Protein backbone atom coordinates (compact mmCIF):
# COMPACT_ATOMS: atom_id res chain seq x y z
CA UNK A 1 -1.92 10.78 -6.52
CA UNK A 2 -2.73 9.53 -3.00
CA UNK A 3 -0.16 7.43 -1.34
CA UNK A 4 -1.41 4.89 1.18
CA UNK A 5 0.34 2.34 3.54
CA UNK A 6 -1.34 -0.71 4.72
CA UNK A 7 -1.72 -1.92 8.61
CA UNK A 8 -3.71 -4.78 10.17
CA UNK A 9 -6.48 -3.65 12.28
CA UNK A 10 -9.34 -5.33 14.30
CA UNK A 11 -12.62 -5.65 12.30
CA UNK A 12 -14.29 -4.98 15.72
CA UNK A 13 -12.35 -2.06 17.59
CA UNK A 14 -13.91 -3.45 20.79
CA UNK A 15 -12.28 -6.84 20.41
CA UNK A 16 -8.65 -6.22 19.67
CA UNK A 17 -7.87 -10.08 19.96
CA UNK A 18 -10.43 -10.71 17.25
CA UNK A 19 -10.29 -11.10 13.61
CA UNK A 20 -7.96 -8.54 11.75
CA UNK A 21 -8.02 -7.22 8.29
CA UNK A 22 -5.67 -4.94 6.14
CA UNK A 23 -6.76 -1.38 5.83
CA UNK A 24 -5.39 1.49 4.16
CA UNK A 25 -3.91 4.63 5.62
CA UNK A 26 -3.72 7.82 3.69
CA UNK A 27 -0.04 9.01 3.83
CA UNK A 28 0.40 12.76 2.87
CA UNK A 29 3.31 13.19 0.57
CA UNK A 30 3.99 16.76 1.97
CA UNK A 31 2.53 19.55 3.84
CA UNK A 32 1.53 22.43 1.47
CA UNK A 33 1.86 25.78 3.56
CA UNK A 34 -0.54 28.85 2.93
CA UNK A 35 2.24 30.78 1.11
CA UNK A 36 2.80 27.85 -1.43
CA UNK A 37 -0.84 27.39 -1.78
CA UNK A 38 -1.15 31.21 -2.74
CA UNK A 39 1.48 30.72 -5.37
CA UNK A 40 -0.08 27.72 -6.69
CA UNK A 41 -3.37 29.68 -7.23
CA UNK A 42 -1.49 32.67 -8.74
CA UNK A 43 -0.22 30.48 -11.47
CA UNK A 44 -3.48 28.97 -12.31
CA UNK A 45 -4.46 32.11 -14.71
CA UNK A 46 -5.27 34.24 -11.65
CA UNK A 47 -5.26 38.11 -12.11
CA UNK A 48 -4.09 38.49 -8.64
CA UNK A 49 -0.54 38.41 -7.18
CA UNK A 50 0.46 35.81 -4.71
CA UNK A 51 0.52 38.22 -1.87
CA UNK A 52 -2.93 39.47 -2.65
CA UNK A 53 -4.27 35.93 -2.47
CA UNK A 54 -2.42 35.35 0.65
CA UNK A 55 -3.97 38.24 2.14
CA UNK A 56 -7.37 37.31 1.06
CA UNK A 57 -7.15 33.70 2.39
CA UNK A 58 -5.74 35.08 5.73
CA UNK A 59 -8.64 37.53 6.21
CA UNK A 60 -10.98 34.68 5.13
CA UNK A 61 -9.83 32.57 7.94
CA UNK A 62 -10.57 35.43 10.44
CA UNK A 63 -13.97 36.08 9.07
CA UNK A 64 -14.95 32.52 9.07
CA UNK A 65 -13.89 32.37 12.84
CA UNK A 66 -15.85 35.55 13.62
CA UNK A 67 -19.08 34.14 11.88
CA UNK A 68 -18.87 30.71 13.64
CA UNK A 69 -18.52 32.49 17.04
CA UNK A 70 -21.77 34.41 15.96
CA UNK A 71 -23.66 31.07 15.72
CA UNK A 72 -23.60 31.01 11.87
CA UNK A 73 -23.35 27.97 9.59
CA UNK A 74 -21.31 29.33 6.96
CA UNK A 75 -21.75 27.95 3.30
CA UNK A 76 -18.61 28.29 0.85
CA UNK A 77 -20.14 27.15 -2.19
CA UNK A 78 -18.16 24.25 -3.71
CA UNK A 79 -15.91 24.18 -0.76
CA UNK A 80 -18.71 23.26 1.53
CA UNK A 81 -20.13 24.27 5.08
CA UNK A 82 -18.60 25.10 8.18
CA UNK A 83 -20.53 24.95 11.55
CA UNK A 84 -19.80 24.19 15.16
CA UNK A 85 -20.85 21.63 17.67
CA UNK A 86 -20.69 21.66 21.31
CA UNK A 87 -18.87 19.35 23.69
CA UNK A 88 -20.50 19.00 27.04
CA UNK A 89 -21.00 17.33 30.31
CA UNK A 90 -24.50 16.47 31.17
CA UNK A 91 -26.55 18.35 33.78
CA UNK A 92 -28.79 16.58 36.09
CA UNK A 93 -31.77 18.29 34.65
CA UNK A 94 -32.63 20.93 32.06
CA UNK A 95 -33.19 23.52 34.88
CA UNK A 96 -29.79 22.87 36.30
CA UNK A 97 -27.89 23.12 32.96
CA UNK A 98 -25.43 26.16 33.02
CA UNK A 99 -23.69 26.89 29.82
CA UNK A 100 -20.44 28.08 31.35
CA UNK A 101 -20.18 25.02 33.64
CA UNK A 102 -21.47 22.21 31.29
CA UNK A 103 -20.30 23.19 27.74
CA UNK A 104 -16.68 22.12 27.72
CA UNK A 105 -15.81 22.62 24.20
CA UNK A 106 -16.69 24.00 20.63
CA UNK A 107 -15.69 22.00 17.60
CA UNK A 108 -15.63 23.17 14.05
CA UNK A 109 -16.76 20.78 11.49
CA UNK A 110 -16.37 21.02 7.84
CA UNK A 111 -19.33 19.39 5.58
CA UNK A 112 -17.78 18.81 2.18
CA UNK A 113 -19.29 20.55 -1.08
CA UNK A 114 -19.95 18.94 -4.24
CA UNK A 115 -16.50 18.98 -5.73
CA UNK A 116 -15.22 17.08 -2.74
CA UNK A 117 -17.81 14.43 -2.47
CA UNK A 118 -16.59 12.33 -5.31
CA UNK A 119 -12.86 12.32 -5.02
CA UNK A 120 -12.84 8.62 -5.31
CA UNK A 121 -13.80 8.91 -9.12
CA UNK A 122 -10.75 10.66 -9.88
CA UNK A 123 -8.37 9.53 -7.24
CA UNK A 124 -5.37 7.39 -8.19
CA UNK A 125 -3.59 5.46 -5.49
CA UNK A 126 -0.02 4.46 -4.87
CA UNK A 127 0.85 1.62 -2.09
CA UNK A 128 3.93 2.77 -0.18
CA UNK A 129 5.67 1.71 2.99
CA UNK A 130 4.68 2.92 6.48
CA UNK A 131 6.47 5.83 7.86
CA UNK A 132 8.08 3.69 10.25
CA UNK A 133 9.24 1.29 7.69
CA UNK A 134 10.68 4.23 5.81
CA UNK A 135 12.56 5.49 8.89
CA UNK A 136 13.62 1.96 9.77
CA UNK A 137 15.10 1.41 6.31
CA UNK A 138 16.58 4.94 6.18
CA UNK A 139 18.53 4.32 9.57
CA UNK A 140 19.84 0.83 8.28
CA UNK A 141 21.06 2.59 5.09
CA UNK A 142 22.86 5.18 7.08
CA UNK A 143 24.35 2.33 9.39
CA UNK A 144 25.42 0.23 6.37
CA UNK A 145 22.81 -2.59 7.26
CA UNK A 146 21.61 -4.67 4.30
CA UNK A 147 18.51 -6.14 6.14
CA UNK A 148 15.71 -4.41 8.03
CA UNK A 149 13.09 -5.94 10.43
CA UNK A 150 9.79 -4.36 9.75
CA UNK A 151 7.61 -7.31 11.09
CA UNK A 152 6.23 -5.41 14.24
CA UNK A 153 5.37 -2.49 11.94
CA UNK A 154 2.94 -4.46 9.65
CA UNK A 155 1.41 -6.96 12.31
CA UNK A 156 -0.86 -4.57 14.06
CA UNK A 157 -2.28 -0.98 14.34
CA UNK A 158 -2.93 1.06 17.36
CA UNK A 159 -6.61 1.65 16.60
CA UNK A 160 -8.92 -0.86 15.27
CA UNK A 161 -11.71 0.10 13.11
CA UNK A 162 -13.59 -1.67 10.18
CA UNK A 163 -13.60 1.50 8.19
CA UNK A 164 -10.79 2.83 5.88
CA UNK A 165 -10.10 5.28 8.65
CA UNK A 166 -10.67 5.07 12.32
CA UNK A 167 -13.48 7.29 13.34
CA UNK A 168 -12.89 10.04 15.40
CA UNK A 169 -15.33 12.79 15.33
CA UNK A 170 -17.67 14.10 18.01
CA UNK A 171 -17.07 13.14 21.75
CA UNK A 172 -20.44 13.85 23.01
CA UNK A 173 -23.99 12.73 22.00
CA UNK A 174 -25.30 16.42 21.57
CA UNK A 175 -26.61 15.53 18.21
CA UNK A 176 -27.20 17.30 14.90
CA UNK A 177 -30.20 19.18 16.28
CA UNK A 178 -27.83 21.93 17.43
CA UNK A 179 -26.81 22.59 13.83
CA UNK A 180 -29.21 23.80 11.02
CA UNK A 181 -29.91 21.77 8.01
CA UNK A 182 -28.39 18.63 9.58
CA UNK A 183 -24.69 19.14 9.93
CA UNK A 184 -23.11 15.38 9.42
CA UNK A 185 -21.63 13.46 12.27
CA UNK A 186 -19.06 12.10 10.02
CA UNK A 187 -15.73 13.46 10.63
CA UNK A 188 -14.57 12.80 7.19
CA UNK A 189 -13.19 16.18 6.77
CA UNK A 190 -14.48 17.95 9.91
CA UNK A 191 -12.93 19.03 13.10
CA UNK A 192 -12.75 16.80 16.22
CA UNK A 193 -9.04 16.10 15.75
CA UNK A 194 -7.69 12.72 17.20
CA UNK A 195 -5.09 10.35 16.45
CA UNK A 196 -6.48 9.77 13.15
CA UNK A 197 -4.53 13.06 11.89
CA UNK A 198 -1.29 11.59 13.03
CA UNK A 199 -2.21 8.12 11.26
CA UNK A 200 -2.89 10.15 8.07
CA UNK A 201 0.45 11.88 8.15
CA UNK A 202 2.61 9.31 9.66
CA UNK A 203 1.14 5.72 9.37
């Protein structure tokens, strides 16, 4: 069950005074920590104890980081592929490019595997109030108020986009040439954190 709230956003992000439409924002109902995730796996017919699963997952993170730093694209089966892309500032010429001076960051991207590419076919959606509206309602209830003004909350959004979630991925035009077998630029599950993450959790 995926909760979502609605907000009005500009169809064209570059024209905030232009036409707006209502778009959904995924709203996480909770954050599942590693220990709870390990317990969940252990309860699904696993022969391993929660602590063993937790240890393997933790070590997997360490090994994944190590392999990405070694320049590998790591294929994790149905989970998908992990790879890196580079943030950089341009050099005047190829001859003048210096990695330590012009490469400014390394972003980790996730390319969803088959099991994560068709979630829309199984997902169920529930329209809920925005986080701000929920907070305002709770404050009003505690204060003994019977009405809440949420007009400002539903009239606009901080970032405009014609897609379901505002795009946020790579900040540089380095292109997919840097990643073998064509790493996707689509930040649908990848790195390159932006304000989108806040919107997913709190909008």
